[in-house]
Amino acid sequence: MPQTLAPPAPTPARAPTPGTSPDPELRALAERHGLTVSGARPSLPEYTRQLWHRRHFITSFASAKLTAMYTTAKLGQLWQVLTPLLNAAVYYLIFGVLIGTKRGVPDYVPFLVTGVFVFTFLQNSVMAGTRAISGNLGLVRALHFPRACLPISFCLAQLQQLLYSMGVLGVILLCFGQVPTWSWLLVVPALTLQFVFNTGLAMVMARMGAKTPDLAQLMPFIMRTWMYASGVMFSINLILQGKHLPQFVVVLLDGNPAAVYIDLMRFALIDSFKANQLPPHVWAFAAGWALLAGVAGFVYFWKAEERYGRG
């Protein structure tokens, strides 16, 4: 009796290789039934709305990271204040006493401590942003959420840490003869602008660090160089006096965003730091840097949203 051959089994449709476009018929079928690509990047307005909906997660995650940062240390949260204070003491000994940068700078200790606290805020935000994705791959791969939550949370944690330090800074200012005035209220807009700048820069570094984890090892050297060019331990105005530097160097030093935010804080808190020591249009510089870094950093980070945690 002749055998009847069974019809060949249908060949299953192959899923498109990641990074390639699906078959046009499959794409049309998916669109007709409202299906979307898994992990696709949302539009920028939708991404912003998703971030806003997760604002409580951002603040809670920031507080949790800040609490966990010093849980193994015996002094605990005191290190939030002790670390910048110890740095300021070292800089005072080396730069203020041995090198003599305190000459010609009235109220040098408040001048130095303010600069150290403000730059530490910038430095820690950038360093935390660099590791925001590469250091949290388990979270990124396990849960679906806007990845921008991570660098924003880390910068918010650094802002909380700075606010704790500001209480100690206030005590130092009072001990060295600074009297609270209405100008102290300028701290609020200055810190707000710096927070936006720090967050935008942290997002840029988060995307770069996600692709190149070794960048985290290089950043301490870059940040140290930036600190030396920002007038943390010395007055840029005094250093430039009598030196015939090219004009573009003077513009770069005056427009350095770290120096701009440090100068604004010194102007707000220290009576002897006068307006003539500020670069021209300093508030415009501060707002411009915040707007540029905040917007450009956010868009730059969003562009790679679907690639974080893959590969």
C-alpha atoms as a PDB file:
ATOM      1  CA  MET A   1       0.000   0.000   0.000  1.00  0.00           C
ATOM      2  CA  PRO A   2       1.603   3.297  -1.037  1.00  0.00           C
ATOM      3  CA  GLN A   3       2.581   5.587   1.864  1.00  0.00           C
ATOM      4  CA  THR A   4       1.096   9.037   2.014  1.00  0.00           C
ATOM      5  CA  LEU A   5       3.679  11.670   2.765  1.00  0.00           C
ATOM      6  CA  ALA A   6       2.665  14.202   5.381  1.00  0.00           C
ATOM      7  CA  PRO A   7       2.822  17.797   4.226  1.00  0.00           C
ATOM      8  CA  PRO A   8       5.955  19.567   5.375  1.00  0.00           C
ATOM      9  CA  ALA A   9       5.627  21.517   8.619  1.00  0.00           C
ATOM     10  CA  PRO A  10       5.424  25.242   8.115  1.00  0.00           C
ATOM     11  CA  THR A  11       8.663  27.060   8.726  1.00  0.00           C
ATOM     12  CA  PRO A  12       8.289  29.311  11.784  1.00  0.00           C
ATOM     13  CA  ALA A  13       8.771  32.955  11.117  1.00  0.00           C
ATOM     14  CA  ARG A  14      12.103  34.176  12.403  1.00  0.00           C
ATOM     15  CA  ALA A  15      12.132  37.100  14.743  1.00  0.00           C
ATOM     16  CA  PRO A  16      14.035  40.046  13.390  1.00  0.00           C
ATOM     17  CA  THR A  17      17.615  40.336  14.547  1.00  0.00           C
ATOM     18  CA  PRO A  18      17.997  43.083  17.159  1.00  0.00           C
ATOM     19  CA  GLY A  19      18.986  46.312  15.508  1.00  0.00           C
ATOM     20  CA  THR A  20      17.323  45.393  12.156  1.00  0.00           C
ATOM     21  CA  SER A  21      13.959  46.446  10.745  1.00  0.00           C
ATOM     22  CA  PRO A  22      11.176  43.816  10.888  1.00  0.00           C
ATOM     23  CA  ASP A  23       9.458  42.528   7.779  1.00  0.00           C
ATOM     24  CA  PRO A  24       7.090  45.184   6.309  1.00  0.00           C
ATOM     25  CA  GLU A  25       4.101  42.825   6.591  1.00  0.00           C
ATOM     26  CA  LEU A  26       4.900  42.096  10.244  1.00  0.00           C
ATOM     27  CA  ARG A  27       5.326  45.797  10.921  1.00  0.00           C
ATOM     28  CA  ALA A  28       1.964  46.577   9.323  1.00  0.00           C
ATOM     29  CA  LEU A  29       0.292  43.768  11.308  1.00  0.00           C
ATOM     30  CA  ALA A  30       1.807  45.032  14.561  1.00  0.00           C
ATOM     31  CA  GLU A  31       0.725  48.611  13.876  1.00  0.00           C
ATOM     32  CA  ARG A  32      -2.804  47.460  13.036  1.00  0.00           C
ATOM     33  CA  HIS A  33      -3.115  45.781  16.429  1.00  0.00           C
ATOM     34  CA  GLY A  34      -1.371  48.484  18.428  1.00  0.00           C
ATOM     35  CA  LEU A  35       1.841  46.530  19.108  1.00  0.00           C
ATOM     36  CA  THR A  36       5.152  48.306  19.594  1.00  0.00           C
ATOM     37  CA  VAL A  37       8.781  47.238  19.656  1.00  0.00           C
ATOM     38  CA  SER A  38       9.873  45.957  23.065  1.00  0.00           C
ATOM     39  CA  GLY A  39      12.188  48.451  24.775  1.00  0.00           C
ATOM     40  CA  ALA A  40      11.708  51.099  22.109  1.00  0.00           C
ATOM     41  CA  ARG A  41      12.677  54.635  23.046  1.00  0.00           C
ATOM     42  CA  PRO A  42       9.620  56.794  23.797  1.00  0.00           C
ATOM     43  CA  SER A  43       9.248  60.270  22.408  1.00  0.00           C
ATOM     44  CA  LEU A  44      10.898  63.059  24.358  1.00  0.00           C
ATOM     45  CA  PRO A  45       7.601  64.478  25.747  1.00  0.00           C
ATOM     46  CA  GLU A  46       6.448  60.980  26.732  1.00  0.00           C
ATOM     47  CA  TYR A  47       9.827  60.280  28.337  1.00  0.00           C
ATOM     48  CA  THR A  48       9.514  63.474  30.360  1.00  0.00           C
ATOM     49  CA  ARG A  49       6.029  62.456  31.506  1.00  0.00           C
ATOM     50  CA  GLN A  50       7.324  59.041  32.571  1.00  0.00           C
ATOM     51  CA  LEU A  51      10.045  60.712  34.617  1.00  0.00           C
ATOM     52  CA  TRP A  52       7.503  62.952  36.329  1.00  0.00           C
ATOM     53  CA  HIS A  53       5.313  59.955  37.188  1.00  0.00           C
ATOM     54  CA  ARG A  54       8.326  58.341  38.866  1.00  0.00           C
ATOM     55  CA  ARG A  55       9.357  61.419  40.851  1.00  0.00           C
ATOM     56  CA  HIS A  56       8.612  59.644  44.138  1.00  0.00           C
ATOM     57  CA  PHE A  57      10.890  56.780  43.142  1.00  0.00           C
ATOM     58  CA  ILE A  58      13.640  59.279  42.291  1.00  0.00           C
ATOM     59  CA  THR A  59      13.494  61.004  45.681  1.00  0.00           C
ATOM     60  CA  SER A  60      13.197  57.726  47.609  1.00  0.00           C
ATOM     61  CA  PHE A  61      16.074  56.161  45.702  1.00  0.00           C
ATOM     62  CA  ALA A  62      18.224  59.247  46.343  1.00  0.00           C
ATOM     63  CA  SER A  63      17.547  59.110  50.074  1.00  0.00           C
ATOM     64  CA  ALA A  64      18.240  55.374  50.173  1.00  0.00           C
ATOM     65  CA  LYS A  65      21.563  55.756  48.354  1.00  0.00           C
ATOM     66  CA  LEU A  66      22.601  58.562  50.679  1.00  0.00           C
ATOM     67  CA  THR A  67      21.741  56.493  53.757  1.00  0.00           C
ATOM     68  CA  ALA A  68      23.500  53.387  52.432  1.00  0.00           C
ATOM     69  CA  MET A  69      26.633  55.334  51.520  1.00  0.00           C
ATOM     70  CA  TYR A  70      27.978  55.380  55.077  1.00  0.00           C
ATOM     71  CA  THR A  71      26.182  52.467  56.742  1.00  0.00           C
ATOM     72  CA  THR A  72      29.419  50.505  57.272  1.00  0.00           C
ATOM     73  CA  ALA A  73      31.286  53.476  58.799  1.00  0.00           C
ATOM     74  CA  LYS A  74      31.229  53.904  62.577  1.00  0.00           C
ATOM     75  CA  LEU A  75      30.670  57.657  62.292  1.00  0.00           C
ATOM     76  CA  GLY A  76      27.893  57.060  59.756  1.00  0.00           C
ATOM     77  CA  GLN A  77      26.342  60.171  58.228  1.00  0.00           C
ATOM     78  CA  LEU A  78      28.904  62.451  59.905  1.00  0.00           C
ATOM     79  CA  TRP A  79      31.239  61.648  57.010  1.00  0.00           C
ATOM     80  CA  GLN A  80      28.960  63.695  54.785  1.00  0.00           C
ATOM     81  CA  VAL A  81      30.356  66.746  56.567  1.00  0.00           C
ATOM     82  CA  LEU A  82      33.745  65.464  57.738  1.00  0.00           C
ATOM     83  CA  THR A  83      34.994  64.584  54.234  1.00  0.00           C
ATOM     84  CA  PRO A  84      34.818  68.111  52.726  1.00  0.00           C
ATOM     85  CA  LEU A  85      36.022  69.608  56.031  1.00  0.00           C
ATOM     86  CA  LEU A  86      39.109  67.386  56.067  1.00  0.00           C
ATOM     87  CA  ASN A  87      39.768  68.249  52.418  1.00  0.00           C
ATOM     88  CA  ALA A  88      39.521  71.942  53.287  1.00  0.00           C
ATOM     89  CA  ALA A  89      41.974  71.474  56.166  1.00  0.00           C
ATOM     90  CA  VAL A  90      44.505  69.775  53.868  1.00  0.00           C
ATOM     91  CA  TYR A  91      44.131  72.476  51.207  1.00  0.00           C
ATOM     92  CA  TYR A  92      44.524  75.186  53.846  1.00  0.00           C
ATOM     93  CA  LEU A  93      47.783  73.664  55.070  1.00  0.00           C
ATOM     94  CA  ILE A  94      49.285  73.060  51.630  1.00  0.00           C
ATOM     95  CA  PHE A  95      47.973  75.995  49.606  1.00  0.00           C
ATOM     96  CA  GLY A  96      47.118  78.596  52.234  1.00  0.00           C
ATOM     97  CA  VAL A  97      50.115  78.175  54.564  1.00  0.00           C
ATOM     98  CA  LEU A  98      52.922  76.489  52.593  1.00  0.00           C
ATOM     99  CA  ILE A  99      52.280  78.004  49.152  1.00  0.00           C
ATOM    100  CA  GLY A 100      50.784  81.214  50.525  1.00  0.00           C
ATOM    101  CA  THR A 101      47.657  81.562  48.430  1.00  0.00           C
ATOM    102  CA  LYS A 102      45.852  83.094  51.412  1.00  0.00           C
ATOM    103  CA  ARG A 103      47.883  86.323  51.063  1.00  0.00           C
ATOM    104  CA  GLY A 104      45.670  89.091  49.746  1.00  0.00           C
ATOM    105  CA  VAL A 105      42.476  87.088  50.298  1.00  0.00           C
ATOM    106  CA  PRO A 106      40.435  88.407  53.235  1.00  0.00           C
ATOM    107  CA  ASP A 107      38.419  85.820  55.175  1.00  0.00           C
ATOM    108  CA  TYR A 108      40.478  83.060  53.609  1.00  0.00           C
ATOM    109  CA  VAL A 109      39.008  80.205  55.671  1.00  0.00           C
ATOM    110  CA  PRO A 110      35.354  80.974  54.669  1.00  0.00           C
ATOM    111  CA  PHE A 111      36.646  81.604  51.133  1.00  0.00           C
ATOM    112  CA  LEU A 112      38.337  78.195  51.015  1.00  0.00           C
ATOM    113  CA  VAL A 113      35.627  76.161  52.746  1.00  0.00           C
ATOM    114  CA  THR A 114      32.911  77.594  50.498  1.00  0.00           C
ATOM    115  CA  GLY A 115      34.927  76.708  47.408  1.00  0.00           C
ATOM    116  CA  VAL A 116      35.629  73.179  48.643  1.00  0.00           C
ATOM    117  CA  PHE A 117      31.977  72.485  49.508  1.00  0.00           C
ATOM    118  CA  VAL A 118      30.649  73.783  46.187  1.00  0.00           C
ATOM    119  CA  PHE A 119      33.234  71.974  44.066  1.00  0.00           C
ATOM    120  CA  THR A 120      32.730  68.757  46.045  1.00  0.00           C
ATOM    121  CA  PHE A 121      29.046  68.943  45.105  1.00  0.00           C
ATOM    122  CA  LEU A 122      30.000  69.188  41.427  1.00  0.00           C
ATOM    123  CA  GLN A 123      32.690  66.517  41.619  1.00  0.00           C
ATOM    124  CA  ASN A 124      30.571  63.938  43.446  1.00  0.00           C
ATOM    125  CA  SER A 125      27.617  64.506  41.098  1.00  0.00           C
ATOM    126  CA  VAL A 126      29.766  63.913  38.012  1.00  0.00           C
ATOM    127  CA  MET A 127      31.507  60.874  39.502  1.00  0.00           C
ATOM    128  CA  ALA A 128      28.189  59.346  40.607  1.00  0.00           C
ATOM    129  CA  GLY A 129      26.683  60.054  37.186  1.00  0.00           C
ATOM    130  CA  THR A 130      29.570  58.283  35.456  1.00  0.00           C
ATOM    131  CA  ARG A 131      28.698  55.056  37.306  1.00  0.00           C
ATOM    132  CA  ALA A 132      24.906  55.557  37.293  1.00  0.00           C
ATOM    133  CA  ILE A 133      24.257  52.964  34.559  1.00  0.00           C
ATOM    134  CA  SER A 134      27.387  50.795  34.581  1.00  0.00           C
ATOM    135  CA  GLY A 135      27.210  50.392  38.367  1.00  0.00           C
ATOM    136  CA  ASN A 136      23.503  49.475  38.428  1.00  0.00           C
ATOM    137  CA  LEU A 137      23.177  47.022  35.544  1.00  0.00           C
ATOM    138  CA  GLY A 138      21.195  44.552  37.643  1.00  0.00           C
ATOM    139  CA  LEU A 139      18.526  47.166  38.315  1.00  0.00           C
ATOM    140  CA  VAL A 140      18.557  48.402  34.709  1.00  0.00           C
ATOM    141  CA  ARG A 141      18.117  44.912  33.278  1.00  0.00           C
ATOM    142  CA  ALA A 142      15.536  43.723  35.802  1.00  0.00           C
ATOM    143  CA  LEU A 143      13.078  46.623  35.838  1.00  0.00           C
ATOM    144  CA  HIS A 144      11.510  48.871  33.241  1.00  0.00           C
ATOM    145  CA  PHE A 145      11.735  52.577  34.086  1.00  0.00           C
ATOM    146  CA  PRO A 146      13.199  55.719  32.491  1.00  0.00           C
ATOM    147  CA  ARG A 147      16.943  55.286  32.897  1.00  0.00           C
ATOM    148  CA  ALA A 148      17.341  59.018  33.531  1.00  0.00           C
ATOM    149  CA  CYS A 149      15.930  58.318  36.994  1.00  0.00           C
ATOM    150  CA  LEU A 150      19.361  57.010  38.009  1.00  0.00           C
ATOM    151  CA  PRO A 151      21.624  60.019  37.285  1.00  0.00           C
ATOM    152  CA  ILE A 152      18.932  62.385  38.564  1.00  0.00           C
ATOM    153  CA  SER A 153      18.662  60.384  41.796  1.00  0.00           C
ATOM    154  CA  PHE A 154      22.419  60.390  42.311  1.00  0.00           C
ATOM    155  CA  CYS A 155      22.616  64.165  41.800  1.00  0.00           C
ATOM    156  CA  LEU A 156      19.682  64.672  44.157  1.00  0.00           C
ATOM    157  CA  ALA A 157      21.514  62.590  46.783  1.00  0.00           C
ATOM    158  CA  GLN A 158      24.563  64.836  46.397  1.00  0.00           C
ATOM    159  CA  LEU A 159      22.366  67.910  46.795  1.00  0.00           C
ATOM    160  CA  GLN A 160      20.953  66.492  50.023  1.00  0.00           C
ATOM    161  CA  GLN A 161      24.489  65.855  51.225  1.00  0.00           C
ATOM    162  CA  LEU A 162      25.489  69.439  50.401  1.00  0.00           C
ATOM    163  CA  LEU A 163      22.504  70.796  52.330  1.00  0.00           C
ATOM    164  CA  TYR A 164      23.721  68.947  55.427  1.00  0.00           C
ATOM    165  CA  SER A 165      27.162  70.466  54.877  1.00  0.00           C
ATOM    166  CA  MET A 166      25.680  73.949  54.486  1.00  0.00           C
ATOM    167  CA  GLY A 167      24.686  73.887  58.156  1.00  0.00           C
ATOM    168  CA  VAL A 168      28.338  73.352  59.105  1.00  0.00           C
ATOM    169  CA  LEU A 169      29.406  76.005  56.608  1.00  0.00           C
ATOM    170  CA  GLY A 170      27.041  78.460  58.283  1.00  0.00           C
ATOM    171  CA  VAL A 171      28.651  77.765  61.664  1.00  0.00           C
ATOM    172  CA  ILE A 172      32.127  78.298  60.177  1.00  0.00           C
ATOM    173  CA  LEU A 173      31.034  81.598  58.633  1.00  0.00           C
ATOM    174  CA  LEU A 174      29.643  82.811  61.957  1.00  0.00           C
ATOM    175  CA  CYS A 175      32.825  81.761  63.805  1.00  0.00           C
ATOM    176  CA  PHE A 176      34.922  83.838  61.394  1.00  0.00           C
ATOM    177  CA  GLY A 177      32.843  86.980  61.758  1.00  0.00           C
ATOM    178  CA  GLN A 178      30.370  86.682  58.894  1.00  0.00           C
ATOM    179  CA  VAL A 179      26.952  88.059  59.800  1.00  0.00           C
ATOM    180  CA  PRO A 180      23.812  86.722  58.052  1.00  0.00           C
ATOM    181  CA  THR A 181      22.488  89.266  55.546  1.00  0.00           C
ATOM    182  CA  TRP A 182      19.847  89.323  52.847  1.00  0.00           C
ATOM    183  CA  SER A 183      22.520  88.280  50.329  1.00  0.00           C
ATOM    184  CA  TRP A 184      22.522  84.805  51.906  1.00  0.00           C
ATOM    185  CA  LEU A 185      19.201  84.224  50.148  1.00  0.00           C
ATOM    186  CA  LEU A 186      21.129  84.219  46.851  1.00  0.00           C
ATOM    187  CA  VAL A 187      22.321  80.743  47.845  1.00  0.00           C
ATOM    188  CA  VAL A 188      18.950  79.332  46.726  1.00  0.00           C
ATOM    189  CA  PRO A 189      19.073  80.390  43.044  1.00  0.00           C
ATOM    190  CA  ALA A 190      22.822  79.719  42.875  1.00  0.00           C
ATOM    191  CA  LEU A 191      22.419  76.145  44.132  1.00  0.00           C
ATOM    192  CA  THR A 192      19.370  75.580  41.932  1.00  0.00           C
ATOM    193  CA  LEU A 193      21.307  76.563  38.816  1.00  0.00           C
ATOM    194  CA  GLN A 194      24.264  74.447  39.844  1.00  0.00           C
ATOM    195  CA  PHE A 195      22.030  71.440  40.508  1.00  0.00           C
ATOM    196  CA  VAL A 196      20.595  71.688  36.977  1.00  0.00           C
ATOM    197  CA  PHE A 197      24.111  72.003  35.555  1.00  0.00           C
ATOM    198  CA  ASN A 198      25.409  69.059  37.605  1.00  0.00           C
ATOM    199  CA  THR A 199      22.467  66.867  36.588  1.00  0.00           C
ATOM    200  CA  GLY A 200      22.883  67.613  32.889  1.00  0.00           C
ATOM    201  CA  LEU A 201      26.607  66.886  33.052  1.00  0.00           C
ATOM    202  CA  ALA A 202      25.944  63.705  35.046  1.00  0.00           C
ATOM    203  CA  MET A 203      23.576  62.492  32.301  1.00  0.00           C
ATOM    204  CA  VAL A 204      26.258  63.042  29.677  1.00  0.00           C
ATOM    205  CA  MET A 205      28.761  61.105  31.771  1.00  0.00           C
ATOM    206  CA  ALA A 206      26.183  58.371  32.513  1.00  0.00           C
ATOM    207  CA  ARG A 207      25.740  57.635  28.806  1.00  0.00           C
ATOM    208  CA  MET A 208      29.485  57.746  28.156  1.00  0.00           C
ATOM    209  CA  GLY A 209      30.202  55.620  31.236  1.00  0.00           C
ATOM    210  CA  ALA A 210      27.604  53.045  30.181  1.00  0.00           C
ATOM    211  CA  LYS A 211      29.502  52.481  26.941  1.00  0.00           C
ATOM    212  CA  THR A 212      33.019  52.881  28.381  1.00  0.00           C
ATOM    213  CA  PRO A 213      33.144  51.765  32.047  1.00  0.00           C
ATOM    214  CA  ASP A 214      36.872  52.563  32.220  1.00  0.00           C
ATOM    215  CA  LEU A 215      35.914  56.227  32.077  1.00  0.00           C
ATOM    216  CA  ALA A 216      35.204  56.045  35.814  1.00  0.00           C
ATOM    217  CA  GLN A 217      38.917  55.408  36.416  1.00  0.00           C
ATOM    218  CA  LEU A 218      39.918  58.462  34.384  1.00  0.00           C
ATOM    219  CA  MET A 219      37.441  60.931  35.852  1.00  0.00           C
ATOM    220  CA  PRO A 220      39.280  61.588  39.163  1.00  0.00           C
ATOM    221  CA  PHE A 221      42.246  62.988  37.221  1.00  0.00           C
ATOM    222  CA  ILE A 222      39.985  65.157  35.064  1.00  0.00           C
ATOM    223  CA  MET A 223      38.081  66.466  38.084  1.00  0.00           C
ATOM    224  CA  ARG A 224      41.304  67.244  39.964  1.00  0.00           C
ATOM    225  CA  THR A 225      42.583  69.267  37.012  1.00  0.00           C
ATOM    226  CA  TRP A 226      39.252  71.078  36.805  1.00  0.00           C
ATOM    227  CA  MET A 227      39.440  71.893  40.515  1.00  0.00           C
ATOM    228  CA  TYR A 228      42.873  73.508  40.134  1.00  0.00           C
ATOM    229  CA  ALA A 229      41.514  75.706  37.320  1.00  0.00           C
ATOM    230  CA  SER A 230      38.430  76.792  39.298  1.00  0.00           C
ATOM    231  CA  GLY A 231      39.902  78.975  42.029  1.00  0.00           C
ATOM    232  CA  VAL A 232      38.944  76.666  44.892  1.00  0.00           C
ATOM    233  CA  MET A 233      42.134  77.310  46.876  1.00  0.00           C
ATOM    234  CA  PHE A 234      43.097  80.726  45.481  1.00  0.00           C
ATOM    235  CA  SER A 235      41.645  83.886  44.008  1.00  0.00           C
ATOM    236  CA  ILE A 236      41.664  83.817  40.217  1.00  0.00           C
ATOM    237  CA  ASN A 237      41.683  87.634  40.133  1.00  0.00           C
ATOM    238  CA  LEU A 238      44.884  87.783  42.207  1.00  0.00           C
ATOM    239  CA  ILE A 239      46.554  85.058  40.175  1.00  0.00           C
ATOM    240  CA  LEU A 240      45.812  86.886  36.907  1.00  0.00           C
ATOM    241  CA  GLN A 241      47.124  90.245  38.135  1.00  0.00           C
ATOM    242  CA  GLY A 242      50.311  91.271  36.352  1.00  0.00           C
ATOM    243  CA  LYS A 243      50.219  88.299  33.987  1.00  0.00           C
ATOM    244  CA  HIS A 244      49.850  88.927  30.273  1.00  0.00           C
ATOM    245  CA  LEU A 245      47.848  85.893  29.336  1.00  0.00           C
ATOM    246  CA  PRO A 246      46.056  85.512  25.995  1.00  0.00           C
ATOM    247  CA  GLN A 247      42.527  86.868  26.115  1.00  0.00           C
ATOM    248  CA  PHE A 248      40.956  83.491  25.379  1.00  0.00           C
ATOM    249  CA  VAL A 249      42.620  82.058  28.515  1.00  0.00           C
ATOM    250  CA  VAL A 250      41.109  84.837  30.641  1.00  0.00           C
ATOM    251  CA  VAL A 251      37.688  84.212  29.064  1.00  0.00           C
ATOM    252  CA  LEU A 252      37.970  80.476  29.740  1.00  0.00           C
ATOM    253  CA  LEU A 253      38.893  81.049  33.381  1.00  0.00           C
ATOM    254  CA  ASP A 254      36.100  83.586  33.888  1.00  0.00           C
ATOM    255  CA  GLY A 255      33.531  81.422  32.106  1.00  0.00           C
ATOM    256  CA  ASN A 256      34.545  78.182  33.800  1.00  0.00           C
ATOM    257  CA  PRO A 257      31.185  76.916  35.163  1.00  0.00           C
ATOM    258  CA  ALA A 258      32.716  75.558  38.374  1.00  0.00           C
ATOM    259  CA  ALA A 259      34.357  78.925  39.076  1.00  0.00           C
ATOM    260  CA  VAL A 260      31.109  80.737  38.246  1.00  0.00           C
ATOM    261  CA  TYR A 261      29.046  78.788  40.792  1.00  0.00           C
ATOM    262  CA  ILE A 262      31.800  79.033  43.422  1.00  0.00           C
ATOM    263  CA  ASP A 263      32.029  82.808  42.944  1.00  0.00           C
ATOM    264  CA  LEU A 264      28.263  83.193  43.268  1.00  0.00           C
ATOM    265  CA  MET A 265      28.249  81.283  46.560  1.00  0.00           C
ATOM    266  CA  ARG A 266      31.164  83.344  47.889  1.00  0.00           C
ATOM    267  CA  PHE A 267      29.452  86.566  46.863  1.00  0.00           C
ATOM    268  CA  ALA A 268      26.269  85.461  48.640  1.00  0.00           C
ATOM    269  CA  LEU A 269      27.925  84.361  51.899  1.00  0.00           C
ATOM    270  CA  ILE A 270      31.146  86.351  52.424  1.00  0.00           C
ATOM    271  CA  ASP A 271      30.971  90.089  53.112  1.00  0.00           C
ATOM    272  CA  SER A 272      34.499  90.794  51.852  1.00  0.00           C
ATOM    273  CA  PHE A 273      33.835  89.100  48.512  1.00  0.00           C
ATOM    274  CA  LYS A 274      32.562  92.053  46.487  1.00  0.00           C
ATOM    275  CA  ALA A 275      30.752  92.335  43.181  1.00  0.00           C
ATOM    276  CA  ASN A 276      33.896  93.622  41.436  1.00  0.00           C
ATOM    277  CA  GLN A 277      35.465  90.180  42.011  1.00  0.00           C
ATOM    278  CA  LEU A 278      32.739  88.501  39.963  1.00  0.00           C
ATOM    279  CA  PRO A 279      33.170  87.921  36.227  1.00  0.00           C
ATOM    280  CA  PRO A 280      31.034  90.171  33.998  1.00  0.00           C
ATOM    281  CA  HIS A 281      27.459  88.906  33.493  1.00  0.00           C
ATOM    282  CA  VAL A 282      28.028  86.152  36.059  1.00  0.00           C
ATOM    283  CA  TRP A 283      24.325  85.356  36.529  1.00  0.00           C
ATOM    284  CA  ALA A 284      23.898  85.082  32.767  1.00  0.00           C
ATOM    285  CA  PHE A 285      26.847  82.684  32.683  1.00  0.00           C
ATOM    286  CA  ALA A 286      25.355  80.624  35.516  1.00  0.00           C
ATOM    287  CA  ALA A 287      21.908  80.425  33.889  1.00  0.00           C
ATOM    288  CA  GLY A 288      23.399  79.745  30.457  1.00  0.00           C
ATOM    289  CA  TRP A 289      25.553  76.867  31.673  1.00  0.00           C
ATOM    290  CA  ALA A 290      22.596  75.380  33.563  1.00  0.00           C
ATOM    291  CA  LEU A 291      20.307  75.622  30.524  1.00  0.00           C
ATOM    292  CA  LEU A 292      22.927  74.272  28.109  1.00  0.00           C
ATOM    293  CA  ALA A 293      24.007  71.346  30.288  1.00  0.00           C
ATOM    294  CA  GLY A 294      20.487  70.540  31.503  1.00  0.00           C
ATOM    295  CA  VAL A 295      18.792  70.447  28.099  1.00  0.00           C
ATOM    296  CA  ALA A 296      21.687  69.047  26.063  1.00  0.00           C
ATOM    297  CA  GLY A 297      22.512  66.441  28.708  1.00  0.00           C
ATOM    298  CA  PHE A 298      18.905  65.287  28.978  1.00  0.00           C
ATOM    299  CA  VAL A 299      18.467  64.939  25.206  1.00  0.00           C
ATOM    300  CA  TYR A 300      21.871  63.261  24.814  1.00  0.00           C
ATOM    301  CA  PHE A 301      21.005  60.694  27.498  1.00  0.00           C
ATOM    302  CA  TRP A 302      17.497  60.081  26.097  1.00  0.00           C
ATOM    303  CA  LYS A 303      18.914  59.334  22.623  1.00  0.00           C
ATOM    304  CA  ALA A 304      20.491  56.106  23.920  1.00  0.00           C
ATOM    305  CA  GLU A 305      17.613  55.078  26.217  1.00  0.00           C
ATOM    306  CA  GLU A 306      16.941  51.744  24.488  1.00  0.00           C
ATOM    307  CA  ARG A 307      20.621  50.708  24.578  1.00  0.00           C
ATOM    308  CA  TYR A 308      21.284  50.936  28.327  1.00  0.00           C
ATOM    309  CA  GLY A 309      21.936  47.558  29.915  1.00  0.00           C
ATOM    310  CA  ARG A 310      22.217  45.698  26.608  1.00  0.00           C
ATOM    311  CA  GLY A 311      25.310  44.005  25.316  1.00  0.00           C
END
